[in-house]
């Protein structure tokens, strides 16, 4: 009897949902079209951002590797410089000894004098060659030292900027988590990964089954999120709707999981914007349907809203792009 009663309730619900006016359905279809266009725009923006972020990581690794190589080259050149300088001093001493010997034996016969003079000239030529090598090494060493200082400064700037960015992101994550502390154990999670902040809200906190209307408890959480982020002007925020893989059996809206995910994301976005001073330019609504599950064995976890908060990395890319 209970099962029969339950089917009667479901049947009544389907009849009621099919009674939505054609005008309302057209509005929602148009709304889905706009959301799809916005989603494509965000996908391109998101791919560009992720590519920039990966490029930054690669350039940072290359800069660090170059810095290590320059340090190694500088050490080798320093050792060569010290060795050549010692050779130069030795040759200078030998040259002085030969000069003294030449003076002492100036009175010797012409043959011995000529031999000593040739030996002295050979040492002078070798001494000149060593002096030129020493000068060239000194010039190269100074150039490497200058390059090393420049690369160290650039790497330090990147490290400092990255550290500051990570610190800022962590502080923002803590701020959002603190604002939502009252919703712990209610299907809400805040985490930091891949240079972004992810606020995941299970559908049970926000919507009734199959509904696109945000429940009162979920609305409170969204208002707190909006207040926590409204003063952060250098952020890009994406609200993503996700569903499970169960197919919707409805001829009216939402007709499928795509529509359901888009409409839910739009509903969440509207509540956030309506209750804070955040610019609409910073936020975007998108639907991913059932195609990005987080747990193959738990449908409830897949039915969720994810708010993805990305920092502005323009300052970092400006440092990287410098010659």
C-alpha atoms as a PDB file:
ATOM      1  CA  UNK A   1       0.000   0.000   0.000  1.00  0.00           C
ATOM      2  CA  UNK A   2       2.846   2.371   0.812  1.00  0.00           C
ATOM      3  CA  UNK A   3       4.453   1.768  -2.605  1.00  0.00           C
ATOM      4  CA  UNK A   4       1.130   2.370  -4.352  1.00  0.00           C
ATOM      5  CA  UNK A   5       0.693   5.611  -2.407  1.00  0.00           C
ATOM      6  CA  UNK A   6       4.222   6.701  -3.346  1.00  0.00           C
ATOM      7  CA  UNK A   7       3.563   6.116  -7.060  1.00  0.00           C
ATOM      8  CA  UNK A   8       0.396   8.205  -6.788  1.00  0.00           C
ATOM      9  CA  UNK A   9       2.421  11.102  -5.319  1.00  0.00           C
ATOM     10  CA  UNK A  10       5.083  10.829  -8.065  1.00  0.00           C
ATOM     11  CA  UNK A  11       2.398  10.704 -10.747  1.00  0.00           C
ATOM     12  CA  UNK A  12       0.764  13.853  -9.336  1.00  0.00           C
ATOM     13  CA  UNK A  13       4.166  15.583  -9.287  1.00  0.00           C
ATOM     14  CA  UNK A  14       4.739  14.743 -12.956  1.00  0.00           C
ATOM     15  CA  UNK A  15       1.267  16.051 -13.845  1.00  0.00           C
ATOM     16  CA  UNK A  16       1.962  19.298 -11.970  1.00  0.00           C
ATOM     17  CA  UNK A  17       5.388  19.787 -13.597  1.00  0.00           C
ATOM     18  CA  UNK A  18       3.863  19.279 -17.063  1.00  0.00           C
ATOM     19  CA  UNK A  19       1.436  22.136 -16.367  1.00  0.00           C
ATOM     20  CA  UNK A  20       4.106  24.798 -16.614  1.00  0.00           C
ATOM     21  CA  UNK A  21       3.105  27.402 -19.160  1.00  0.00           C
ATOM     22  CA  UNK A  22       4.669  27.473 -22.630  1.00  0.00           C
ATOM     23  CA  UNK A  23       5.930  30.989 -21.969  1.00  0.00           C
ATOM     24  CA  UNK A  24       7.840  29.868 -18.880  1.00  0.00           C
ATOM     25  CA  UNK A  25       9.341  26.967 -20.829  1.00  0.00           C
ATOM     26  CA  UNK A  26      10.476  29.264 -23.644  1.00  0.00           C
ATOM     27  CA  UNK A  27      12.096  31.570 -21.086  1.00  0.00           C
ATOM     28  CA  UNK A  28      13.971  28.661 -19.569  1.00  0.00           C
ATOM     29  CA  UNK A  29      15.072  27.378 -22.990  1.00  0.00           C
ATOM     30  CA  UNK A  30      16.377  30.848 -23.849  1.00  0.00           C
ATOM     31  CA  UNK A  31      18.050  30.963 -20.458  1.00  0.00           C
ATOM     32  CA  UNK A  32      19.704  27.591 -21.149  1.00  0.00           C
ATOM     33  CA  UNK A  33      20.934  28.893 -24.530  1.00  0.00           C
ATOM     34  CA  UNK A  34      22.532  31.931 -22.892  1.00  0.00           C
ATOM     35  CA  UNK A  35      24.113  29.703 -20.221  1.00  0.00           C
ATOM     36  CA  UNK A  36      25.506  27.403 -22.924  1.00  0.00           C
ATOM     37  CA  UNK A  37      27.052  30.380 -24.691  1.00  0.00           C
ATOM     38  CA  UNK A  38      28.511  31.596 -21.401  1.00  0.00           C
ATOM     39  CA  UNK A  39      29.800  28.081 -20.723  1.00  0.00           C
ATOM     40  CA  UNK A  40      31.675  28.043 -24.061  1.00  0.00           C
ATOM     41  CA  UNK A  41      33.139  31.448 -23.221  1.00  0.00           C
ATOM     42  CA  UNK A  42      34.228  30.198 -19.805  1.00  0.00           C
ATOM     43  CA  UNK A  43      35.680  26.993 -21.227  1.00  0.00           C
ATOM     44  CA  UNK A  44      37.926  29.053 -23.495  1.00  0.00           C
ATOM     45  CA  UNK A  45      38.809  31.374 -20.607  1.00  0.00           C
ATOM     46  CA  UNK A  46      39.401  28.417 -18.259  1.00  0.00           C
ATOM     47  CA  UNK A  47      41.609  26.611 -20.805  1.00  0.00           C
ATOM     48  CA  UNK A  48      43.619  29.810 -21.370  1.00  0.00           C
ATOM     49  CA  UNK A  49      44.010  30.284 -17.621  1.00  0.00           C
ATOM     50  CA  UNK A  50      45.066  26.687 -17.014  1.00  0.00           C
ATOM     51  CA  UNK A  51      47.503  26.901 -19.954  1.00  0.00           C
ATOM     52  CA  UNK A  52      48.989  30.124 -18.531  1.00  0.00           C
ATOM     53  CA  UNK A  53      49.258  28.545 -15.128  1.00  0.00           C
ATOM     54  CA  UNK A  54      51.044  25.475 -16.555  1.00  0.00           C
ATOM     55  CA  UNK A  55      53.286  27.724 -18.708  1.00  0.00           C
ATOM     56  CA  UNK A  56      54.223  29.611 -15.575  1.00  0.00           C
ATOM     57  CA  UNK A  57      55.164  26.393 -13.781  1.00  0.00           C
ATOM     58  CA  UNK A  58      57.269  25.273 -16.783  1.00  0.00           C
ATOM     59  CA  UNK A  59      59.022  28.659 -17.095  1.00  0.00           C
ATOM     60  CA  UNK A  60      59.669  28.706 -13.375  1.00  0.00           C
ATOM     61  CA  UNK A  61      61.259  25.221 -13.570  1.00  0.00           C
ATOM     62  CA  UNK A  62      63.351  26.293 -16.598  1.00  0.00           C
ATOM     63  CA  UNK A  63      64.494  29.456 -14.815  1.00  0.00           C
ATOM     64  CA  UNK A  64      65.477  27.423 -11.749  1.00  0.00           C
ATOM     65  CA  UNK A  65      67.385  24.924 -13.918  1.00  0.00           C
ATOM     66  CA  UNK A  66      69.181  27.750 -15.726  1.00  0.00           C
ATOM     67  CA  UNK A  67      70.059  29.325 -12.401  1.00  0.00           C
ATOM     68  CA  UNK A  68      71.593  26.050 -11.163  1.00  0.00           C
ATOM     69  CA  UNK A  69      73.589  25.695 -14.415  1.00  0.00           C
ATOM     70  CA  UNK A  70      74.875  29.266 -14.216  1.00  0.00           C
ATOM     71  CA  UNK A  71      75.927  28.692 -10.593  1.00  0.00           C
ATOM     72  CA  UNK A  72      77.820  25.561 -11.689  1.00  0.00           C
ATOM     73  CA  UNK A  73      79.442  27.401 -14.648  1.00  0.00           C
ATOM     74  CA  UNK A  74      80.411  30.281 -12.348  1.00  0.00           C
ATOM     75  CA  UNK A  75      82.078  27.873  -9.911  1.00  0.00           C
ATOM     76  CA  UNK A  76      84.046  26.209 -12.744  1.00  0.00           C
ATOM     77  CA  UNK A  77      85.110  29.574 -14.168  1.00  0.00           C
ATOM     78  CA  UNK A  78      86.172  30.722 -10.703  1.00  0.00           C
ATOM     79  CA  UNK A  79      88.384  27.658 -10.347  1.00  0.00           C
ATOM     80  CA  UNK A  80      89.879  28.213 -13.818  1.00  0.00           C
ATOM     81  CA  UNK A  81      90.454  31.852 -12.960  1.00  0.00           C
ATOM     82  CA  UNK A  82      92.287  30.981  -9.741  1.00  0.00           C
ATOM     83  CA  UNK A  83      94.393  28.318 -11.516  1.00  0.00           C
ATOM     84  CA  UNK A  84      95.287  30.668 -14.351  1.00  0.00           C
ATOM     85  CA  UNK A  85      96.114  33.412 -11.875  1.00  0.00           C
ATOM     86  CA  UNK A  86      98.500  31.052 -10.065  1.00  0.00           C
ATOM     87  CA  UNK A  87     100.115  30.115 -13.399  1.00  0.00           C
ATOM     88  CA  UNK A  88     100.432  33.796 -14.222  1.00  0.00           C
ATOM     89  CA  UNK A  89     102.180  34.470 -10.922  1.00  0.00           C
ATOM     90  CA  UNK A  90     104.506  31.488 -11.474  1.00  0.00           C
ATOM     91  CA  UNK A  91     105.398  32.695 -14.953  1.00  0.00           C
ATOM     92  CA  UNK A  92     105.970  36.191 -13.634  1.00  0.00           C
ATOM     93  CA  UNK A  93     108.407  34.811 -11.074  1.00  0.00           C
ATOM     94  CA  UNK A  94     110.163  32.716 -13.723  1.00  0.00           C
ATOM     95  CA  UNK A  95     110.332  35.716 -15.994  1.00  0.00           C
ATOM     96  CA  UNK A  96     111.922  37.761 -13.233  1.00  0.00           C
ATOM     97  CA  UNK A  97     114.430  34.968 -12.541  1.00  0.00           C
ATOM     98  CA  UNK A  98     115.349  34.801 -16.232  1.00  0.00           C
ATOM     99  CA  UNK A  99     115.758  38.534 -16.406  1.00  0.00           C
ATOM    100  CA  UNK A 100     118.109  38.400 -13.441  1.00  0.00           C
ATOM    101  CA  UNK A 101     119.956  35.470 -15.014  1.00  0.00           C
ATOM    102  CA  UNK A 102     120.214  37.391 -18.259  1.00  0.00           C
ATOM    103  CA  UNK A 103     121.709  40.353 -16.505  1.00  0.00           C
ATOM    104  CA  UNK A 104     124.166  38.118 -14.659  1.00  0.00           C
ATOM    105  CA  UNK A 105     125.254  36.304 -17.750  1.00  0.00           C
ATOM    106  CA  UNK A 106     125.219  39.283 -20.084  1.00  0.00           C
ATOM    107  CA  UNK A 107     128.956  39.026 -20.237  1.00  0.00           C
ATOM    108  CA  UNK A 108     128.888  35.429 -21.461  1.00  0.00           C
ATOM    109  CA  UNK A 109     129.655  34.591 -25.053  1.00  0.00           C
ATOM    110  CA  UNK A 110     127.225  35.426 -27.795  1.00  0.00           C
ATOM    111  CA  UNK A 111     125.937  31.836 -28.169  1.00  0.00           C
ATOM    112  CA  UNK A 112     124.901  31.499 -24.540  1.00  0.00           C
ATOM    113  CA  UNK A 113     123.473  35.016 -24.567  1.00  0.00           C
ATOM    114  CA  UNK A 114     121.376  34.233 -27.663  1.00  0.00           C
ATOM    115  CA  UNK A 115     120.046  31.022 -26.094  1.00  0.00           C
ATOM    116  CA  UNK A 116     119.066  32.815 -22.902  1.00  0.00           C
ATOM    117  CA  UNK A 117     117.484  35.620 -24.903  1.00  0.00           C
ATOM    118  CA  UNK A 118     115.367  33.144 -26.922  1.00  0.00           C
ATOM    119  CA  UNK A 119     114.315  31.416 -23.728  1.00  0.00           C
ATOM    120  CA  UNK A 120     113.364  34.764 -22.251  1.00  0.00           C
ATOM    121  CA  UNK A 121     111.390  35.721 -25.367  1.00  0.00           C
ATOM    122  CA  UNK A 122     109.530  32.387 -25.305  1.00  0.00           C
ATOM    123  CA  UNK A 123     108.604  32.918 -21.656  1.00  0.00           C
ATOM    124  CA  UNK A 124     107.501  36.467 -22.472  1.00  0.00           C
ATOM    125  CA  UNK A 125     105.242  35.173 -25.277  1.00  0.00           C
ATOM    126  CA  UNK A 126     103.773  32.503 -23.005  1.00  0.00           C
ATOM    127  CA  UNK A 127     103.310  35.082 -20.273  1.00  0.00           C
ATOM    128  CA  UNK A 128     101.458  37.364 -22.683  1.00  0.00           C
ATOM    129  CA  UNK A 129      99.236  34.489 -23.795  1.00  0.00           C
ATOM    130  CA  UNK A 130      98.401  33.610 -20.190  1.00  0.00           C
ATOM    131  CA  UNK A 131      97.663  37.257 -19.474  1.00  0.00           C
ATOM    132  CA  UNK A 132      95.241  37.395 -22.420  1.00  0.00           C
ATOM    133  CA  UNK A 133      93.553  34.138 -21.307  1.00  0.00           C
ATOM    134  CA  UNK A 134      93.305  35.514 -17.789  1.00  0.00           C
ATOM    135  CA  UNK A 135      91.697  38.711 -19.076  1.00  0.00           C
ATOM    136  CA  UNK A 136      89.229  36.739 -21.237  1.00  0.00           C
ATOM    137  CA  UNK A 137      88.305  34.506 -18.303  1.00  0.00           C
ATOM    138  CA  UNK A 138      87.904  37.523 -16.053  1.00  0.00           C
ATOM    139  CA  UNK A 139      85.550  39.125 -18.591  1.00  0.00           C
ATOM    140  CA  UNK A 140      83.545  35.908 -18.972  1.00  0.00           C
ATOM    141  CA  UNK A 141      83.406  35.425 -15.223  1.00  0.00           C
ATOM    142  CA  UNK A 142      82.066  38.941 -14.690  1.00  0.00           C
ATOM    143  CA  UNK A 143      79.470  38.369 -17.431  1.00  0.00           C
ATOM    144  CA  UNK A 144      78.382  35.093 -15.813  1.00  0.00           C
ATOM    145  CA  UNK A 145      78.241  36.734 -12.402  1.00  0.00           C
ATOM    146  CA  UNK A 146      76.037  39.505 -13.789  1.00  0.00           C
ATOM    147  CA  UNK A 147      73.779  36.967 -15.510  1.00  0.00           C
ATOM    148  CA  UNK A 148      73.683  34.948 -12.302  1.00  0.00           C
ATOM    149  CA  UNK A 149      72.619  37.993 -10.286  1.00  0.00           C
ATOM    150  CA  UNK A 150      69.893  38.819 -12.828  1.00  0.00           C
ATOM    151  CA  UNK A 151      68.564  35.252 -12.877  1.00  0.00           C
ATOM    152  CA  UNK A 152      68.686  35.024  -9.094  1.00  0.00           C
ATOM    153  CA  UNK A 153      66.733  38.251  -8.844  1.00  0.00           C
ATOM    154  CA  UNK A 154      64.140  36.995 -11.345  1.00  0.00           C
ATOM    155  CA  UNK A 155      63.798  33.632  -9.614  1.00  0.00           C
ATOM    156  CA  UNK A 156      63.515  35.365  -6.240  1.00  0.00           C
ATOM    157  CA  UNK A 157      60.785  37.629  -7.619  1.00  0.00           C
ATOM    158  CA  UNK A 158      58.925  34.600  -8.990  1.00  0.00           C
ATOM    159  CA  UNK A 159      59.316  32.721  -5.708  1.00  0.00           C
ATOM    160  CA  UNK A 160      58.175  35.733  -3.720  1.00  0.00           C
ATOM    161  CA  UNK A 161      55.200  36.353  -6.008  1.00  0.00           C
ATOM    162  CA  UNK A 162      54.246  32.672  -5.998  1.00  0.00           C
ATOM    163  CA  UNK A 163      54.570  32.490  -2.225  1.00  0.00           C
ATOM    164  CA  UNK A 164      52.485  35.629  -1.825  1.00  0.00           C
ATOM    165  CA  UNK A 165      49.891  34.262  -4.252  1.00  0.00           C
ATOM    166  CA  UNK A 166      49.730  30.963  -2.361  1.00  0.00           C
ATOM    167  CA  UNK A 167      49.468  32.828   0.935  1.00  0.00           C
ATOM    168  CA  UNK A 168      46.674  35.021  -0.403  1.00  0.00           C
ATOM    169  CA  UNK A 169      44.839  31.994  -1.754  1.00  0.00           C
ATOM    170  CA  UNK A 170      45.182  30.141   1.557  1.00  0.00           C
ATOM    171  CA  UNK A 171      43.939  33.174   3.478  1.00  0.00           C
ATOM    172  CA  UNK A 172      40.940  33.403   1.140  1.00  0.00           C
ATOM    173  CA  UNK A 173      40.285  29.675   1.537  1.00  0.00           C
ATOM    174  CA  UNK A 174      40.389  30.043   5.338  1.00  0.00           C
ATOM    175  CA  UNK A 175      38.065  33.044   5.089  1.00  0.00           C
ATOM    176  CA  UNK A 176      35.529  31.100   3.017  1.00  0.00           C
ATOM    177  CA  UNK A 177      35.827  28.055   5.297  1.00  0.00           C
ATOM    178  CA  UNK A 178      35.276  30.259   8.369  1.00  0.00           C
ATOM    179  CA  UNK A 179      32.193  31.832   6.778  1.00  0.00           C
ATOM    180  CA  UNK A 180      30.742  28.350   6.178  1.00  0.00           C
ATOM    181  CA  UNK A 181      31.715  26.776   9.508  1.00  0.00           C
ATOM    182  CA  UNK A 182      28.052  26.450  10.456  1.00  0.00           C
ATOM    183  CA  UNK A 183      27.470  24.135   7.496  1.00  0.00           C
ATOM    184  CA  UNK A 184      30.010  21.479   8.451  1.00  0.00           C
ATOM    185  CA  UNK A 185      28.778  17.888   8.030  1.00  0.00           C
ATOM    186  CA  UNK A 186      25.946  19.126   5.809  1.00  0.00           C
ATOM    187  CA  UNK A 187      27.457  18.179   2.456  1.00  0.00           C
ATOM    188  CA  UNK A 188      29.796  21.170   2.092  1.00  0.00           C
ATOM    189  CA  UNK A 189      33.561  21.032   1.532  1.00  0.00           C
ATOM    190  CA  UNK A 190      36.216  23.744   0.946  1.00  0.00           C
ATOM    191  CA  UNK A 191      39.656  22.796  -0.411  1.00  0.00           C
ATOM    192  CA  UNK A 192      42.635  24.362  -2.165  1.00  0.00           C
ATOM    193  CA  UNK A 193      44.265  22.586  -5.133  1.00  0.00           C
ATOM    194  CA  UNK A 194      45.857  23.361  -8.505  1.00  0.00           C
ATOM    195  CA  UNK A 195      46.168  27.030  -7.590  1.00  0.00           C
ATOM    196  CA  UNK A 196      42.386  27.384  -7.059  1.00  0.00           C
ATOM    197  CA  UNK A 197      39.805  27.156  -4.280  1.00  0.00           C
ATOM    198  CA  UNK A 198      36.981  24.625  -4.694  1.00  0.00           C
ATOM    199  CA  UNK A 199      33.770  24.994  -2.677  1.00  0.00           C
ATOM    200  CA  UNK A 200      31.727  21.822  -3.199  1.00  0.00           C
ATOM    201  CA  UNK A 201      28.087  21.724  -2.060  1.00  0.00           C
ATOM    202  CA  UNK A 202      26.156  18.478  -2.330  1.00  0.00           C
ATOM    203  CA  UNK A 203      22.769  18.814  -4.017  1.00  0.00           C
ATOM    204  CA  UNK A 204      20.962  17.685  -0.859  1.00  0.00           C
ATOM    205  CA  UNK A 205      22.037  20.954   0.833  1.00  0.00           C
ATOM    206  CA  UNK A 206      20.632  23.098  -1.985  1.00  0.00           C
ATOM    207  CA  UNK A 207      17.833  21.358  -3.892  1.00  0.00           C
ATOM    208  CA  UNK A 208      15.070  18.866  -3.586  1.00  0.00           C
ATOM    209  CA  UNK A 209      15.250  15.959  -6.027  1.00  0.00           C
ATOM    210  CA  UNK A 210      14.873  17.172  -9.612  1.00  0.00           C
ATOM    211  CA  UNK A 211      14.276  20.775  -8.475  1.00  0.00           C
ATOM    212  CA  UNK A 212      16.066  23.944  -9.584  1.00  0.00           C
ATOM    213  CA  UNK A 213      14.803  26.008  -6.633  1.00  0.00           C
ATOM    214  CA  UNK A 214      17.409  26.539  -3.880  1.00  0.00           C
ATOM    215  CA  UNK A 215      16.194  25.532  -0.420  1.00  0.00           C
ATOM    216  CA  UNK A 216      16.369  27.937   2.533  1.00  0.00           C
ATOM    217  CA  UNK A 217      19.327  26.229   4.235  1.00  0.00           C
ATOM    218  CA  UNK A 218      21.323  26.174   1.018  1.00  0.00           C
ATOM    219  CA  UNK A 219      20.484  29.819   0.347  1.00  0.00           C
ATOM    220  CA  UNK A 220      22.056  30.753   3.700  1.00  0.00           C
ATOM    221  CA  UNK A 221      25.292  29.039   2.699  1.00  0.00           C
ATOM    222  CA  UNK A 222      25.357  30.792  -0.684  1.00  0.00           C
ATOM    223  CA  UNK A 223      24.794  34.184   0.922  1.00  0.00           C
ATOM    224  CA  UNK A 224      27.745  33.585   3.263  1.00  0.00           C
ATOM    225  CA  UNK A 225      29.946  32.616   0.280  1.00  0.00           C
ATOM    226  CA  UNK A 226      28.965  35.798  -1.556  1.00  0.00           C
ATOM    227  CA  UNK A 227      29.747  37.973   1.462  1.00  0.00           C
ATOM    228  CA  UNK A 228      33.134  36.290   1.900  1.00  0.00           C
ATOM    229  CA  UNK A 229      34.088  36.979  -1.742  1.00  0.00           C
ATOM    230  CA  UNK A 230      32.439  40.304  -2.564  1.00  0.00           C
ATOM    231  CA  UNK A 231      35.477  42.450  -1.685  1.00  0.00           C
ATOM    232  CA  UNK A 232      37.907  40.277  -3.670  1.00  0.00           C
ATOM    233  CA  UNK A 233      38.048  42.070  -7.021  1.00  0.00           C
ATOM    234  CA  UNK A 234      40.896  40.056  -8.619  1.00  0.00           C
ATOM    235  CA  UNK A 235      39.085  36.716  -8.769  1.00  0.00           C
ATOM    236  CA  UNK A 236      37.371  34.670 -11.442  1.00  0.00           C
ATOM    237  CA  UNK A 237      34.502  32.569 -10.092  1.00  0.00           C
ATOM    238  CA  UNK A 238      32.759  29.731 -11.882  1.00  0.00           C
ATOM    239  CA  UNK A 239      29.638  28.033 -10.579  1.00  0.00           C
ATOM    240  CA  UNK A 240      29.416  24.503 -12.023  1.00  0.00           C
ATOM    241  CA  UNK A 241      26.364  22.287 -11.824  1.00  0.00           C
ATOM    242  CA  UNK A 242      26.840  18.491 -11.728  1.00  0.00           C
ATOM    243  CA  UNK A 243      24.354  15.618 -11.733  1.00  0.00           C
ATOM    244  CA  UNK A 244      24.478  11.837 -11.402  1.00  0.00           C
ATOM    245  CA  UNK A 245      24.135   9.566 -14.424  1.00  0.00           C
ATOM    246  CA  UNK A 246      20.451   8.712 -13.867  1.00  0.00           C
ATOM    247  CA  UNK A 247      18.418   9.844 -16.861  1.00  0.00           C
ATOM    248  CA  UNK A 248      15.544  12.268 -16.369  1.00  0.00           C
ATOM    249  CA  UNK A 249      12.200  10.872 -17.528  1.00  0.00           C
ATOM    250  CA  UNK A 250      10.395  14.139 -18.198  1.00  0.00           C
ATOM    251  CA  UNK A 251       8.959  15.766 -21.305  1.00  0.00           C
ATOM    252  CA  UNK A 252       9.004  19.187 -19.622  1.00  0.00           C
ATOM    253  CA  UNK A 253      11.895  21.176 -18.228  1.00  0.00           C
ATOM    254  CA  UNK A 254      14.435  20.199 -17.236  1.00  0.00           C
ATOM    255  CA  UNK A 255      14.430  17.621 -19.992  1.00  0.00           C
ATOM    256  CA  UNK A 256      17.856  16.134 -19.267  1.00  0.00           C
ATOM    257  CA  UNK A 257      20.854  16.332 -16.949  1.00  0.00           C
ATOM    258  CA  UNK A 258      22.459  19.070 -19.036  1.00  0.00           C
ATOM    259  CA  UNK A 259      19.476  21.347 -18.487  1.00  0.00           C
ATOM    260  CA  UNK A 260      19.255  20.425 -14.822  1.00  0.00           C
ATOM    261  CA  UNK A 261      22.930  21.182 -14.159  1.00  0.00           C
ATOM    262  CA  UNK A 262      22.819  24.506 -16.064  1.00  0.00           C
ATOM    263  CA  UNK A 263      19.626  25.710 -14.417  1.00  0.00           C
ATOM    264  CA  UNK A 264      20.882  24.782 -10.945  1.00  0.00           C
ATOM    265  CA  UNK A 265      24.178  26.604 -11.545  1.00  0.00           C
ATOM    266  CA  UNK A 266      22.255  29.655 -12.765  1.00  0.00           C
ATOM    267  CA  UNK A 267      19.989  29.604  -9.715  1.00  0.00           C
ATOM    268  CA  UNK A 268      22.999  29.505  -7.379  1.00  0.00           C
ATOM    269  CA  UNK A 269      24.731  32.328  -9.276  1.00  0.00           C
ATOM    270  CA  UNK A 270      21.644  34.545  -9.082  1.00  0.00           C
ATOM    271  CA  UNK A 271      21.363  34.087  -5.320  1.00  0.00           C
ATOM    272  CA  UNK A 272      25.034  34.952  -4.766  1.00  0.00           C
ATOM    273  CA  UNK A 273      24.821  38.108  -6.900  1.00  0.00           C
ATOM    274  CA  UNK A 274      21.518  39.183  -5.372  1.00  0.00           C
ATOM    275  CA  UNK A 275      22.942  39.149  -1.844  1.00  0.00           C
ATOM    276  CA  UNK A 276      26.382  40.798  -2.238  1.00  0.00           C
ATOM    277  CA  UNK A 277      28.143  43.593  -4.142  1.00  0.00           C
ATOM    278  CA  UNK A 278      30.186  41.261  -6.380  1.00  0.00           C
ATOM    279  CA  UNK A 279      30.423  42.332 -10.025  1.00  0.00           C
ATOM    280  CA  UNK A 280      28.636  39.947 -12.428  1.00  0.00           C
ATOM    281  CA  UNK A 281      31.745  40.187 -14.635  1.00  0.00           C
ATOM    282  CA  UNK A 282      33.624  38.041 -12.099  1.00  0.00           C
ATOM    283  CA  UNK A 283      31.218  35.108 -12.028  1.00  0.00           C
ATOM    284  CA  UNK A 284      29.931  32.586 -14.554  1.00  0.00           C
ATOM    285  CA  UNK A 285      27.378  29.777 -14.418  1.00  0.00           C
ATOM    286  CA  UNK A 286      28.032  26.494 -16.209  1.00  0.00           C
ATOM    287  CA  UNK A 287      26.532  23.014 -16.365  1.00  0.00           C
ATOM    288  CA  UNK A 288      28.552  19.803 -16.781  1.00  0.00           C
ATOM    289  CA  UNK A 289      25.713  17.289 -16.512  1.00  0.00           C
ATOM    290  CA  UNK A 290      26.800  13.815 -15.354  1.00  0.00           C
ATOM    291  CA  UNK A 291      30.152  13.879 -17.169  1.00  0.00           C
ATOM    292  CA  UNK A 292      32.468  14.842 -14.278  1.00  0.00           C
ATOM    293  CA  UNK A 293      31.661  12.432 -11.424  1.00  0.00           C
ATOM    294  CA  UNK A 294      33.789  12.418  -8.269  1.00  0.00           C
ATOM    295  CA  UNK A 295      32.735   9.008  -6.935  1.00  0.00           C
ATOM    296  CA  UNK A 296      31.561   6.187  -9.191  1.00  0.00           C
ATOM    297  CA  UNK A 297      30.047   4.393  -6.209  1.00  0.00           C
ATOM    298  CA  UNK A 298      28.214   7.321  -4.596  1.00  0.00           C
ATOM    299  CA  UNK A 299      25.618   9.122  -6.703  1.00  0.00           C
ATOM    300  CA  UNK A 300      24.893  11.627  -3.936  1.00  0.00           C
ATOM    301  CA  UNK A 301      28.432  13.005  -4.123  1.00  0.00           C
ATOM    302  CA  UNK A 302      28.152  13.430  -7.889  1.00  0.00           C
ATOM    303  CA  UNK A 303      24.982  15.511  -7.509  1.00  0.00           C
ATOM    304  CA  UNK A 304      26.648  18.763  -6.481  1.00  0.00           C
ATOM    305  CA  UNK A 305      27.421  22.409  -7.137  1.00  0.00           C
ATOM    306  CA  UNK A 306      31.104  23.387  -7.350  1.00  0.00           C
ATOM    307  CA  UNK A 307      32.161  27.009  -6.928  1.00  0.00           C
ATOM    308  CA  UNK A 308      35.664  27.352  -8.398  1.00  0.00           C
ATOM    309  CA  UNK A 309      37.602  30.452  -7.316  1.00  0.00           C
ATOM    310  CA  UNK A 310      40.684  31.361  -9.402  1.00  0.00           C
ATOM    311  CA  UNK A 311      43.195  34.131  -8.575  1.00  0.00           C
ATOM    312  CA  UNK A 312      44.444  36.698 -11.079  1.00  0.00           C
ATOM    313  CA  UNK A 313      47.959  35.662 -12.216  1.00  0.00           C
ATOM    314  CA  UNK A 314      48.644  38.676 -14.483  1.00  0.00           C
ATOM    315  CA  UNK A 315      51.458  39.976 -12.232  1.00  0.00           C
ATOM    316  CA  UNK A 316      53.224  36.601 -12.345  1.00  0.00           C
ATOM    317  CA  UNK A 317      52.967  36.346 -16.117  1.00  0.00           C
ATOM    318  CA  UNK A 318      54.312  39.891 -16.446  1.00  0.00           C
ATOM    319  CA  UNK A 319      57.500  38.838 -14.616  1.00  0.00           C
ATOM    320  CA  UNK A 320      57.817  35.679 -16.716  1.00  0.00           C
ATOM    321  CA  UNK A 321      57.410  37.573 -19.996  1.00  0.00           C
ATOM    322  CA  UNK A 322      60.317  39.902 -19.240  1.00  0.00           C
ATOM    323  CA  UNK A 323      63.433  39.302 -21.364  1.00  0.00           C
END
